[in-house]
Amino acid sequence: MMNNEEKIKEFLKNNYGYITTSDFLNLGINKPSIQTFIDNGMIERVSHGLYMDTNIFKDEYYILQKKYPTAIFSYNTAFHILNLTNRTPDEIDITVPRDKRVRGNYNVHRVSENYYKVGIIDAVSPLGNPVKIYNAERCICDMLRSENEFDLELQNRILNYYWNSKDKNVDLLLEYAKIFNIYDKVNTIVEVMMKW
């Protein structure tokens, strides 16, 4: 039978090095005991109710999504994770439903529930942990709807990366363009790109 320390080590190994207060309780370890594991340097507290193995690098992306499960990485942050830009974002871009609150120094985009779910995919953070982001087609629609957030040079570079990507899905891009009411604009871009 495993002791508490072994249980925690096993759990951390299987859960990307992170553990929540409810995980401790599910393992049969009471709340006051958590402090003991912090004191002995096994784990550190990263936010309310969330702890991480002290032997791993802190992954801001993974921690943010553990704290705010409805936060989806979007805009420049998603382009970076998707390798559609070589520019590391200055701040983390996330999109949440209108009624959700997020605390922290993030670039928060709020959308209605019917737009929120369009294009969510599983991806991997820069440190190798699972995160939810918007796919390339959704991000391109967001970019073209919020042109003031992207300079023209960056827009062109992203579109070129996308166009040269083996993973592009032009039909899906046009389908999303209809949802976001920018079909004519996107269709014109597609026609221009096809002529190159």
N, C-alpha and C. Protein backbone atom coordinates (compact mmCIF):
# COMPACT_ATOMS: atom_id res chain seq x y z
N MET A 1 0.84 -1.20 0.00
CA MET A 1 0.00 0.00 0.00
C MET A 1 0.88 1.26 0.00
N MET A 2 0.56 2.22 -0.89
CA MET A 2 1.38 3.42 -1.01
C MET A 2 1.14 4.37 0.15
N ASN A 3 2.22 5.02 0.61
CA ASN A 3 2.02 6.09 1.59
C ASN A 3 1.63 7.38 0.86
N ASN A 4 1.29 8.41 1.60
CA ASN A 4 0.80 9.65 0.98
C ASN A 4 1.80 10.28 0.03
N GLU A 5 3.08 10.27 0.40
CA GLU A 5 4.09 10.87 -0.46
C GLU A 5 4.17 10.12 -1.79
N GLU A 6 4.12 8.81 -1.73
CA GLU A 6 4.16 7.99 -2.96
C GLU A 6 2.92 8.25 -3.81
N LYS A 7 1.76 8.38 -3.14
CA LYS A 7 0.51 8.67 -3.88
C LYS A 7 0.63 9.98 -4.65
N ILE A 8 1.17 10.99 -3.97
CA ILE A 8 1.31 12.31 -4.62
C ILE A 8 2.29 12.24 -5.78
N LYS A 9 3.43 11.59 -5.56
CA LYS A 9 4.44 11.47 -6.64
C LYS A 9 3.83 10.79 -7.86
N GLU A 10 3.09 9.73 -7.61
CA GLU A 10 2.44 8.98 -8.70
C GLU A 10 1.43 9.87 -9.43
N PHE A 11 0.64 10.61 -8.65
CA PHE A 11 -0.37 11.49 -9.24
C PHE A 11 0.30 12.58 -10.08
N LEU A 12 1.33 13.21 -9.54
CA LEU A 12 2.03 14.27 -10.26
C LEU A 12 2.61 13.74 -11.58
N LYS A 13 3.16 12.54 -11.52
CA LYS A 13 3.76 11.93 -12.72
C LYS A 13 2.72 11.74 -13.82
N ASN A 14 1.50 11.39 -13.42
CA ASN A 14 0.44 11.11 -14.40
C ASN A 14 -0.40 12.33 -14.78
N ASN A 15 -0.14 13.48 -14.15
CA ASN A 15 -0.97 14.66 -14.39
C ASN A 15 -0.13 15.91 -14.66
N TYR A 16 0.92 15.71 -15.45
CA TYR A 16 1.75 16.82 -15.93
C TYR A 16 2.42 17.63 -14.81
N GLY A 17 2.49 17.04 -13.60
CA GLY A 17 3.17 17.72 -12.50
C GLY A 17 2.30 18.67 -11.70
N TYR A 18 0.99 18.61 -11.91
CA TYR A 18 0.06 19.52 -11.20
C TYR A 18 -0.96 18.72 -10.41
N ILE A 19 -1.41 19.31 -9.30
CA ILE A 19 -2.41 18.66 -8.44
C ILE A 19 -3.28 19.73 -7.78
N THR A 20 -4.57 19.46 -7.65
CA THR A 20 -5.49 20.43 -7.03
C THR A 20 -5.88 19.96 -5.62
N THR A 21 -6.47 20.86 -4.88
CA THR A 21 -6.93 20.51 -3.53
C THR A 21 -7.90 19.33 -3.59
N SER A 22 -8.83 19.36 -4.57
CA SER A 22 -9.80 18.25 -4.66
C SER A 22 -9.10 16.93 -5.01
N ASP A 23 -7.98 17.01 -5.78
CA ASP A 23 -7.22 15.78 -6.06
C ASP A 23 -6.65 15.19 -4.77
N PHE A 24 -6.12 16.08 -3.90
CA PHE A 24 -5.60 15.60 -2.60
C PHE A 24 -6.69 14.88 -1.82
N LEU A 25 -7.87 15.50 -1.78
CA LEU A 25 -8.99 14.92 -1.03
C LEU A 25 -9.39 13.57 -1.62
N ASN A 26 -9.40 13.49 -2.96
CA ASN A 26 -9.75 12.22 -3.62
C ASN A 26 -8.72 11.13 -3.32
N LEU A 27 -7.47 11.55 -3.06
CA LEU A 27 -6.42 10.58 -2.72
C LEU A 27 -6.46 10.21 -1.24
N GLY A 28 -7.41 10.81 -0.51
CA GLY A 28 -7.53 10.52 0.92
C GLY A 28 -6.57 11.33 1.78
N ILE A 29 -6.07 12.44 1.24
CA ILE A 29 -5.13 13.30 1.97
C ILE A 29 -5.88 14.57 2.37
N ASN A 30 -5.92 14.89 3.66
CA ASN A 30 -6.70 16.04 4.11
C ASN A 30 -5.99 17.38 3.84
N LYS A 31 -6.76 18.46 3.86
CA LYS A 31 -6.23 19.78 3.53
C LYS A 31 -5.04 20.21 4.38
N PRO A 32 -5.10 20.04 5.72
CA PRO A 32 -3.95 20.47 6.52
C PRO A 32 -2.63 19.79 6.13
N SER A 33 -2.71 18.57 5.61
CA SER A 33 -1.48 17.84 5.21
C SER A 33 -0.79 18.48 4.01
N ILE A 34 -1.56 19.21 3.20
CA ILE A 34 -0.97 19.82 1.98
C ILE A 34 0.21 20.70 2.37
N GLN A 35 0.07 21.46 3.45
CA GLN A 35 1.14 22.37 3.88
C GLN A 35 2.44 21.61 4.17
N THR A 36 2.32 20.41 4.68
CA THR A 36 3.51 19.58 4.98
C THR A 36 4.30 19.32 3.70
N PHE A 37 3.59 19.02 2.60
CA PHE A 37 4.26 18.73 1.33
C PHE A 37 4.86 19.99 0.71
N ILE A 38 4.26 21.15 1.02
CA ILE A 38 4.85 22.42 0.58
C ILE A 38 6.12 22.68 1.38
N ASP A 39 6.03 22.49 2.69
CA ASP A 39 7.17 22.73 3.58
C ASP A 39 8.37 21.85 3.28
N ASN A 40 8.09 20.60 2.87
CA ASN A 40 9.23 19.72 2.57
C ASN A 40 9.74 19.88 1.13
N GLY A 41 9.18 20.86 0.40
CA GLY A 41 9.71 21.20 -0.93
C GLY A 41 9.26 20.28 -2.05
N MET A 42 8.28 19.44 -1.78
CA MET A 42 7.80 18.51 -2.81
C MET A 42 6.92 19.24 -3.84
N ILE A 43 6.06 20.14 -3.34
CA ILE A 43 5.17 20.89 -4.22
C ILE A 43 5.22 22.37 -3.85
N GLU A 44 4.73 23.21 -4.75
CA GLU A 44 4.54 24.63 -4.43
C GLU A 44 3.16 25.06 -4.89
N ARG A 45 2.61 26.05 -4.20
CA ARG A 45 1.28 26.56 -4.54
C ARG A 45 1.43 27.54 -5.70
N VAL A 46 0.66 27.35 -6.76
CA VAL A 46 0.75 28.26 -7.91
C VAL A 46 -0.46 29.18 -8.02
N SER A 47 -1.57 28.76 -7.45
CA SER A 47 -2.75 29.64 -7.38
C SER A 47 -3.71 28.98 -6.40
N HIS A 48 -4.84 29.62 -6.18
CA HIS A 48 -5.79 29.10 -5.20
C HIS A 48 -6.20 27.67 -5.56
N GLY A 49 -5.87 26.73 -4.66
CA GLY A 49 -6.28 25.34 -4.87
C GLY A 49 -5.50 24.57 -5.91
N LEU A 50 -4.38 25.14 -6.41
CA LEU A 50 -3.58 24.45 -7.43
C LEU A 50 -2.11 24.46 -7.03
N TYR A 51 -1.49 23.27 -7.14
CA TYR A 51 -0.10 23.09 -6.72
C TYR A 51 0.66 22.40 -7.85
N MET A 52 1.99 22.59 -7.84
CA MET A 52 2.79 21.92 -8.86
C MET A 52 4.04 21.30 -8.25
N ASP A 53 4.54 20.29 -8.93
CA ASP A 53 5.79 19.62 -8.57
C ASP A 53 6.91 20.66 -8.65
N THR A 54 7.76 20.72 -7.64
CA THR A 54 8.85 21.71 -7.64
C THR A 54 9.96 21.35 -8.64
N ASN A 55 9.89 20.16 -9.22
CA ASN A 55 10.93 19.73 -10.17
C ASN A 55 10.61 20.05 -11.63
N ILE A 56 9.52 20.76 -11.88
CA ILE A 56 9.18 21.10 -13.27
C ILE A 56 9.16 22.61 -13.45
N PHE A 57 9.22 23.04 -14.71
CA PHE A 57 9.10 24.47 -15.02
C PHE A 57 7.65 24.88 -14.92
N LYS A 58 7.41 26.07 -14.42
CA LYS A 58 6.05 26.59 -14.29
C LYS A 58 5.51 26.90 -15.69
N ASP A 59 4.36 26.32 -16.02
CA ASP A 59 3.73 26.52 -17.34
C ASP A 59 2.54 27.46 -17.18
N GLU A 60 2.75 28.73 -17.51
CA GLU A 60 1.70 29.76 -17.35
C GLU A 60 0.43 29.39 -18.11
N TYR A 61 0.60 28.80 -19.29
CA TYR A 61 -0.56 28.45 -20.13
C TYR A 61 -1.41 27.38 -19.45
N TYR A 62 -0.75 26.34 -18.97
CA TYR A 62 -1.46 25.23 -18.34
C TYR A 62 -2.13 25.68 -17.04
N ILE A 63 -1.40 26.48 -16.25
CA ILE A 63 -1.93 26.98 -14.98
C ILE A 63 -3.16 27.85 -15.23
N LEU A 64 -3.07 28.73 -16.23
CA LEU A 64 -4.19 29.61 -16.54
C LEU A 64 -5.44 28.80 -16.88
N GLN A 65 -5.25 27.74 -17.67
CA GLN A 65 -6.43 26.95 -18.05
C GLN A 65 -6.95 26.07 -16.92
N LYS A 66 -6.08 25.70 -15.99
CA LYS A 66 -6.56 24.96 -14.82
C LYS A 66 -7.39 25.89 -13.93
N LYS A 67 -6.95 27.16 -13.85
CA LYS A 67 -7.68 28.15 -13.04
C LYS A 67 -8.98 28.56 -13.71
N TYR A 68 -8.94 28.73 -15.04
CA TYR A 68 -10.09 29.20 -15.81
C TYR A 68 -10.36 28.23 -16.96
N PRO A 69 -11.07 27.14 -16.68
CA PRO A 69 -11.29 26.13 -17.73
C PRO A 69 -12.01 26.65 -18.98
N THR A 70 -12.74 27.77 -18.86
CA THR A 70 -13.43 28.28 -20.06
C THR A 70 -12.53 29.18 -20.90
N ALA A 71 -11.32 29.48 -20.43
CA ALA A 71 -10.41 30.35 -21.19
C ALA A 71 -9.76 29.55 -22.32
N ILE A 72 -9.99 30.02 -23.55
CA ILE A 72 -9.42 29.37 -24.73
C ILE A 72 -8.33 30.29 -25.29
N PHE A 73 -7.14 29.75 -25.55
CA PHE A 73 -6.07 30.58 -26.11
C PHE A 73 -6.44 30.97 -27.53
N SER A 74 -6.27 32.25 -27.83
CA SER A 74 -6.75 32.78 -29.11
C SER A 74 -5.78 33.84 -29.64
N TYR A 75 -6.15 34.45 -30.75
CA TYR A 75 -5.39 35.54 -31.35
C TYR A 75 -3.89 35.21 -31.43
N ASN A 76 -3.02 36.15 -31.04
CA ASN A 76 -1.57 35.96 -31.19
C ASN A 76 -1.04 34.74 -30.45
N THR A 77 -1.63 34.46 -29.28
CA THR A 77 -1.16 33.31 -28.50
C THR A 77 -1.43 32.01 -29.25
N ALA A 78 -2.62 31.89 -29.82
CA ALA A 78 -2.95 30.68 -30.59
C ALA A 78 -2.10 30.59 -31.86
N PHE A 79 -1.91 31.73 -32.54
CA PHE A 79 -1.05 31.73 -33.74
C PHE A 79 0.35 31.22 -33.38
N HIS A 80 0.85 31.63 -32.22
CA HIS A 80 2.19 31.21 -31.76
C HIS A 80 2.21 29.70 -31.51
N ILE A 81 1.20 29.18 -30.81
CA ILE A 81 1.14 27.74 -30.52
C ILE A 81 0.98 26.94 -31.81
N LEU A 82 0.25 27.50 -32.77
CA LEU A 82 0.02 26.82 -34.06
C LEU A 82 1.20 26.96 -35.03
N ASN A 83 2.25 27.67 -34.60
CA ASN A 83 3.42 27.94 -35.46
C ASN A 83 3.06 28.72 -36.72
N LEU A 84 2.09 29.63 -36.60
CA LEU A 84 1.73 30.47 -37.74
C LEU A 84 2.35 31.86 -37.60
N THR A 85 3.15 32.04 -36.58
CA THR A 85 3.93 33.26 -36.42
C THR A 85 5.18 32.91 -35.64
N ASN A 86 6.26 33.64 -35.91
CA ASN A 86 7.47 33.41 -35.13
C ASN A 86 7.61 34.47 -34.04
N ARG A 87 6.58 35.28 -33.88
CA ARG A 87 6.58 36.34 -32.88
C ARG A 87 5.96 35.82 -31.59
N THR A 88 6.74 35.86 -30.50
CA THR A 88 6.21 35.45 -29.19
C THR A 88 5.31 36.56 -28.68
N PRO A 89 4.08 36.24 -28.28
CA PRO A 89 3.16 37.30 -27.85
C PRO A 89 3.65 38.02 -26.59
N ASP A 90 3.41 39.34 -26.54
CA ASP A 90 3.79 40.14 -25.36
C ASP A 90 2.92 39.78 -24.17
N GLU A 91 1.65 39.52 -24.44
CA GLU A 91 0.75 39.10 -23.37
C GLU A 91 -0.10 37.95 -23.89
N ILE A 92 -0.64 37.18 -22.96
CA ILE A 92 -1.43 36.01 -23.34
C ILE A 92 -2.83 36.45 -23.75
N ASP A 93 -3.24 36.00 -24.94
CA ASP A 93 -4.60 36.26 -25.45
C ASP A 93 -5.49 35.08 -25.12
N ILE A 94 -6.64 35.37 -24.51
CA ILE A 94 -7.62 34.32 -24.26
C ILE A 94 -9.01 34.84 -24.65
N THR A 95 -9.88 33.90 -24.98
CA THR A 95 -11.27 34.23 -25.27
C THR A 95 -12.13 33.46 -24.27
N VAL A 96 -13.11 34.16 -23.71
CA VAL A 96 -14.03 33.54 -22.74
C VAL A 96 -15.46 33.94 -23.08
N PRO A 97 -16.44 33.17 -22.61
CA PRO A 97 -17.83 33.59 -22.79
C PRO A 97 -18.05 34.92 -22.06
N ARG A 98 -18.98 35.72 -22.56
CA ARG A 98 -19.24 37.07 -22.00
C ARG A 98 -19.44 37.12 -20.50
N ASP A 99 -20.09 36.08 -19.95
CA ASP A 99 -20.44 36.13 -18.52
C ASP A 99 -19.33 35.64 -17.59
N LYS A 100 -18.17 35.27 -18.13
CA LYS A 100 -17.08 34.73 -17.30
C LYS A 100 -16.10 35.83 -16.90
N ARG A 101 -15.65 35.78 -15.67
CA ARG A 101 -14.67 36.74 -15.15
C ARG A 101 -13.30 36.07 -15.08
N VAL A 102 -12.28 36.81 -15.47
CA VAL A 102 -10.91 36.32 -15.41
C VAL A 102 -10.05 37.39 -14.74
N ARG A 103 -9.30 36.99 -13.71
CA ARG A 103 -8.39 37.94 -13.06
C ARG A 103 -6.98 37.68 -13.55
N GLY A 104 -6.25 38.74 -13.81
CA GLY A 104 -4.86 38.56 -14.23
C GLY A 104 -4.53 39.47 -15.38
N ASN A 105 -3.27 39.51 -15.71
CA ASN A 105 -2.77 40.42 -16.74
C ASN A 105 -2.82 39.74 -18.11
N TYR A 106 -4.03 39.50 -18.59
CA TYR A 106 -4.21 38.83 -19.87
C TYR A 106 -4.99 39.74 -20.82
N ASN A 107 -4.84 39.49 -22.11
CA ASN A 107 -5.63 40.21 -23.10
C ASN A 107 -6.91 39.38 -23.30
N VAL A 108 -7.99 39.78 -22.64
CA VAL A 108 -9.21 38.97 -22.61
C VAL A 108 -10.20 39.44 -23.67
N HIS A 109 -10.64 38.51 -24.51
CA HIS A 109 -11.65 38.77 -25.54
C HIS A 109 -12.93 38.07 -25.08
N ARG A 110 -14.03 38.80 -25.06
CA ARG A 110 -15.31 38.21 -24.64
C ARG A 110 -16.21 38.03 -25.85
N VAL A 111 -16.83 36.88 -25.94
CA VAL A 111 -17.72 36.60 -27.08
C VAL A 111 -19.02 35.96 -26.58
N SER A 112 -20.04 36.04 -27.41
CA SER A 112 -21.31 35.40 -27.06
C SER A 112 -21.14 33.88 -27.15
N GLU A 113 -22.01 33.18 -26.47
CA GLU A 113 -21.93 31.72 -26.36
C GLU A 113 -21.92 31.05 -27.74
N ASN A 114 -22.69 31.59 -28.71
CA ASN A 114 -22.75 30.93 -30.02
C ASN A 114 -21.45 31.07 -30.82
N TYR A 115 -20.61 32.08 -30.50
CA TYR A 115 -19.30 32.20 -31.16
C TYR A 115 -18.21 31.47 -30.38
N TYR A 116 -18.40 31.35 -29.08
CA TYR A 116 -17.36 30.83 -28.18
C TYR A 116 -16.85 29.45 -28.59
N LYS A 117 -17.77 28.54 -28.95
CA LYS A 117 -17.38 27.14 -29.18
C LYS A 117 -16.80 26.88 -30.57
N VAL A 118 -16.89 27.84 -31.47
CA VAL A 118 -16.45 27.62 -32.86
C VAL A 118 -14.93 27.46 -32.93
N GLY A 119 -14.49 26.26 -33.33
CA GLY A 119 -13.06 26.07 -33.62
C GLY A 119 -12.17 25.71 -32.45
N ILE A 120 -12.73 25.25 -31.34
CA ILE A 120 -11.88 24.86 -30.19
C ILE A 120 -11.21 23.51 -30.50
N ILE A 121 -9.89 23.46 -30.31
CA ILE A 121 -9.15 22.21 -30.53
C ILE A 121 -8.20 21.96 -29.35
N ASP A 122 -7.74 20.72 -29.24
CA ASP A 122 -6.71 20.36 -28.26
C ASP A 122 -5.36 20.65 -28.87
N ALA A 123 -4.47 21.24 -28.06
CA ALA A 123 -3.12 21.53 -28.53
C ALA A 123 -2.16 21.31 -27.37
N VAL A 124 -0.91 21.68 -27.60
CA VAL A 124 0.12 21.50 -26.58
C VAL A 124 0.78 22.84 -26.32
N SER A 125 0.92 23.19 -25.05
CA SER A 125 1.55 24.47 -24.69
C SER A 125 3.03 24.44 -25.06
N PRO A 126 3.71 25.60 -25.08
CA PRO A 126 5.15 25.61 -25.38
C PRO A 126 5.97 24.71 -24.44
N LEU A 127 5.45 24.42 -23.25
CA LEU A 127 6.16 23.53 -22.32
C LEU A 127 5.64 22.09 -22.36
N GLY A 128 4.78 21.80 -23.34
CA GLY A 128 4.38 20.42 -23.58
C GLY A 128 3.16 19.91 -22.84
N ASN A 129 2.37 20.82 -22.26
CA ASN A 129 1.16 20.40 -21.54
C ASN A 129 -0.09 20.61 -22.40
N PRO A 130 -1.14 19.81 -22.15
CA PRO A 130 -2.35 19.94 -22.97
C PRO A 130 -3.12 21.23 -22.66
N VAL A 131 -3.51 21.93 -23.72
CA VAL A 131 -4.30 23.16 -23.58
C VAL A 131 -5.35 23.20 -24.69
N LYS A 132 -6.35 24.06 -24.51
CA LYS A 132 -7.38 24.27 -25.54
C LYS A 132 -7.07 25.60 -26.23
N ILE A 133 -7.10 25.57 -27.55
CA ILE A 133 -6.89 26.79 -28.33
C ILE A 133 -7.91 26.81 -29.47
N TYR A 134 -7.99 27.95 -30.15
CA TYR A 134 -8.80 27.99 -31.36
C TYR A 134 -7.93 27.55 -32.53
N ASN A 135 -8.56 26.87 -33.50
CA ASN A 135 -7.80 26.41 -34.66
C ASN A 135 -7.43 27.58 -35.57
N ALA A 136 -6.59 27.31 -36.55
CA ALA A 136 -6.07 28.35 -37.43
C ALA A 136 -7.19 29.11 -38.14
N GLU A 137 -8.19 28.37 -38.60
CA GLU A 137 -9.27 29.00 -39.36
C GLU A 137 -10.05 29.99 -38.50
N ARG A 138 -10.34 29.61 -37.26
CA ARG A 138 -11.04 30.52 -36.35
C ARG A 138 -10.15 31.75 -36.05
N CYS A 139 -8.86 31.50 -35.81
CA CYS A 139 -7.95 32.61 -35.48
C CYS A 139 -7.83 33.61 -36.64
N ILE A 140 -7.82 33.08 -37.85
CA ILE A 140 -7.74 33.98 -39.02
C ILE A 140 -9.00 34.83 -39.10
N CYS A 141 -10.15 34.23 -38.85
CA CYS A 141 -11.40 35.02 -38.85
C CYS A 141 -11.35 36.09 -37.75
N ASP A 142 -10.89 35.72 -36.56
CA ASP A 142 -10.76 36.71 -35.47
C ASP A 142 -9.82 37.84 -35.88
N MET A 143 -8.72 37.47 -36.51
CA MET A 143 -7.73 38.47 -36.94
C MET A 143 -8.35 39.45 -37.95
N LEU A 144 -9.09 38.91 -38.89
CA LEU A 144 -9.68 39.75 -39.94
C LEU A 144 -10.86 40.57 -39.41
N ARG A 145 -11.44 40.15 -38.30
CA ARG A 145 -12.52 40.92 -37.67
C ARG A 145 -11.97 41.99 -36.75
N SER A 146 -10.73 41.84 -36.29
CA SER A 146 -10.14 42.78 -35.32
C SER A 146 -8.82 43.31 -35.88
N GLU A 147 -8.89 43.90 -37.06
CA GLU A 147 -7.67 44.30 -37.75
C GLU A 147 -6.81 45.28 -36.97
N ASN A 148 -7.43 46.06 -36.08
CA ASN A 148 -6.64 47.03 -35.32
C ASN A 148 -5.66 46.34 -34.37
N GLU A 149 -5.86 45.04 -34.10
CA GLU A 149 -4.95 44.32 -33.20
C GLU A 149 -3.76 43.71 -33.95
N PHE A 150 -3.77 43.76 -35.27
CA PHE A 150 -2.71 43.14 -36.06
C PHE A 150 -2.25 44.13 -37.13
N ASP A 151 -0.94 44.41 -37.17
CA ASP A 151 -0.48 45.27 -38.26
C ASP A 151 -0.51 44.46 -39.56
N LEU A 152 -0.53 45.19 -40.66
CA LEU A 152 -0.70 44.57 -41.98
C LEU A 152 0.41 43.57 -42.29
N GLU A 153 1.62 43.90 -41.90
CA GLU A 153 2.75 43.00 -42.16
C GLU A 153 2.56 41.66 -41.45
N LEU A 154 2.12 41.73 -40.19
CA LEU A 154 1.88 40.51 -39.42
C LEU A 154 0.73 39.70 -40.03
N GLN A 155 -0.34 40.39 -40.42
CA GLN A 155 -1.46 39.70 -41.07
C GLN A 155 -1.00 38.94 -42.31
N ASN A 156 -0.22 39.62 -43.14
CA ASN A 156 0.26 38.98 -44.38
C ASN A 156 1.15 37.79 -44.09
N ARG A 157 2.01 37.94 -43.06
CA ARG A 157 2.91 36.84 -42.72
C ARG A 157 2.11 35.63 -42.24
N ILE A 158 1.11 35.87 -41.39
CA ILE A 158 0.28 34.77 -40.87
C ILE A 158 -0.47 34.09 -42.02
N LEU A 159 -1.05 34.89 -42.90
CA LEU A 159 -1.79 34.31 -44.04
C LEU A 159 -0.86 33.49 -44.93
N ASN A 160 0.38 33.96 -45.13
CA ASN A 160 1.34 33.19 -45.94
C ASN A 160 1.72 31.88 -45.27
N TYR A 161 2.00 31.94 -43.96
CA TYR A 161 2.31 30.71 -43.21
C TYR A 161 1.14 29.73 -43.35
N TYR A 162 -0.08 30.25 -43.16
CA TYR A 162 -1.26 29.40 -43.24
C TYR A 162 -1.40 28.79 -44.64
N TRP A 163 -1.24 29.63 -45.64
CA TRP A 163 -1.44 29.17 -47.01
C TRP A 163 -0.44 28.08 -47.40
N ASN A 164 0.77 28.17 -46.81
CA ASN A 164 1.81 27.17 -47.11
C ASN A 164 1.75 25.97 -46.18
N SER A 165 0.81 25.98 -45.24
CA SER A 165 0.71 24.89 -44.27
C SER A 165 -0.02 23.70 -44.88
N LYS A 166 0.48 22.50 -44.59
CA LYS A 166 -0.20 21.28 -45.09
C LYS A 166 -1.51 21.04 -44.34
N ASP A 167 -1.68 21.71 -43.19
CA ASP A 167 -2.87 21.50 -42.36
C ASP A 167 -4.02 22.45 -42.67
N LYS A 168 -3.83 23.35 -43.64
CA LYS A 168 -4.89 24.34 -43.89
C LYS A 168 -6.17 23.67 -44.39
N ASN A 169 -7.29 24.30 -44.04
CA ASN A 169 -8.58 23.77 -44.46
C ASN A 169 -9.41 24.96 -44.98
N VAL A 170 -9.27 25.24 -46.25
CA VAL A 170 -9.88 26.43 -46.84
C VAL A 170 -11.40 26.37 -46.77
N ASP A 171 -11.98 25.16 -46.95
CA ASP A 171 -13.44 25.03 -46.86
C ASP A 171 -13.94 25.43 -45.47
N LEU A 172 -13.20 24.99 -44.46
CA LEU A 172 -13.57 25.33 -43.08
C LEU A 172 -13.40 26.83 -42.83
N LEU A 173 -12.34 27.40 -43.39
CA LEU A 173 -12.11 28.85 -43.25
C LEU A 173 -13.30 29.63 -43.83
N LEU A 174 -13.78 29.21 -44.99
CA LEU A 174 -14.91 29.90 -45.63
C LEU A 174 -16.21 29.66 -44.85
N GLU A 175 -16.34 28.48 -44.28
CA GLU A 175 -17.52 28.17 -43.46
C GLU A 175 -17.54 29.09 -42.22
N TYR A 176 -16.38 29.24 -41.56
CA TYR A 176 -16.29 30.12 -40.39
C TYR A 176 -16.52 31.57 -40.79
N ALA A 177 -16.03 31.94 -41.96
CA ALA A 177 -16.20 33.32 -42.43
C ALA A 177 -17.69 33.67 -42.53
N LYS A 178 -18.51 32.70 -42.92
CA LYS A 178 -19.97 32.93 -42.97
C LYS A 178 -20.52 33.14 -41.56
N ILE A 179 -20.07 32.30 -40.62
CA ILE A 179 -20.54 32.41 -39.23
C ILE A 179 -20.23 33.80 -38.67
N PHE A 180 -19.03 34.30 -38.98
CA PHE A 180 -18.58 35.58 -38.41
C PHE A 180 -18.88 36.79 -39.31
N ASN A 181 -19.68 36.55 -40.34
CA ASN A 181 -20.11 37.64 -41.25
C ASN A 181 -18.97 38.39 -41.92
N ILE A 182 -17.94 37.65 -42.34
CA ILE A 182 -16.85 38.27 -43.10
C ILE A 182 -16.53 37.44 -44.34
N TYR A 183 -17.57 36.81 -44.88
CA TYR A 183 -17.36 35.89 -46.01
C TYR A 183 -16.72 36.57 -47.21
N ASP A 184 -17.25 37.73 -47.61
CA ASP A 184 -16.72 38.41 -48.81
C ASP A 184 -15.24 38.72 -48.66
N LYS A 185 -14.89 39.22 -47.50
CA LYS A 185 -13.50 39.58 -47.23
C LYS A 185 -12.59 38.35 -47.31
N VAL A 186 -13.00 37.27 -46.66
CA VAL A 186 -12.18 36.05 -46.64
C VAL A 186 -12.13 35.42 -48.03
N ASN A 187 -13.24 35.41 -48.72
CA ASN A 187 -13.29 34.82 -50.05
C ASN A 187 -12.35 35.56 -51.01
N THR A 188 -12.28 36.88 -50.88
CA THR A 188 -11.36 37.68 -51.72
C THR A 188 -9.91 37.28 -51.43
N ILE A 189 -9.59 37.14 -50.14
CA ILE A 189 -8.23 36.74 -49.76
C ILE A 189 -7.91 35.35 -50.32
N VAL A 190 -8.86 34.44 -50.21
CA VAL A 190 -8.65 33.06 -50.72
C VAL A 190 -8.39 33.10 -52.23
N GLU A 191 -9.18 33.90 -52.95
CA GLU A 191 -9.00 34.00 -54.41
C GLU A 191 -7.63 34.55 -54.76
N VAL A 192 -7.19 35.54 -54.00
CA VAL A 192 -5.86 36.13 -54.26
C VAL A 192 -4.78 35.09 -53.97
N MET A 193 -4.90 34.39 -52.85
CA MET A 193 -3.89 33.39 -52.48
C MET A 193 -3.82 32.26 -53.50
N MET A 194 -4.97 31.90 -54.04
CA MET A 194 -4.99 30.78 -55.01
C MET A 194 -4.29 31.15 -56.30
N LYS A 195 -4.21 32.44 -56.60
CA LYS A 195 -3.54 32.85 -57.83
C LYS A 195 -2.02 32.85 -57.69
N TRP A 196 -1.52 32.84 -56.44
CA TRP A 196 -0.06 32.89 -56.24
C TRP A 196 0.62 31.64 -56.72
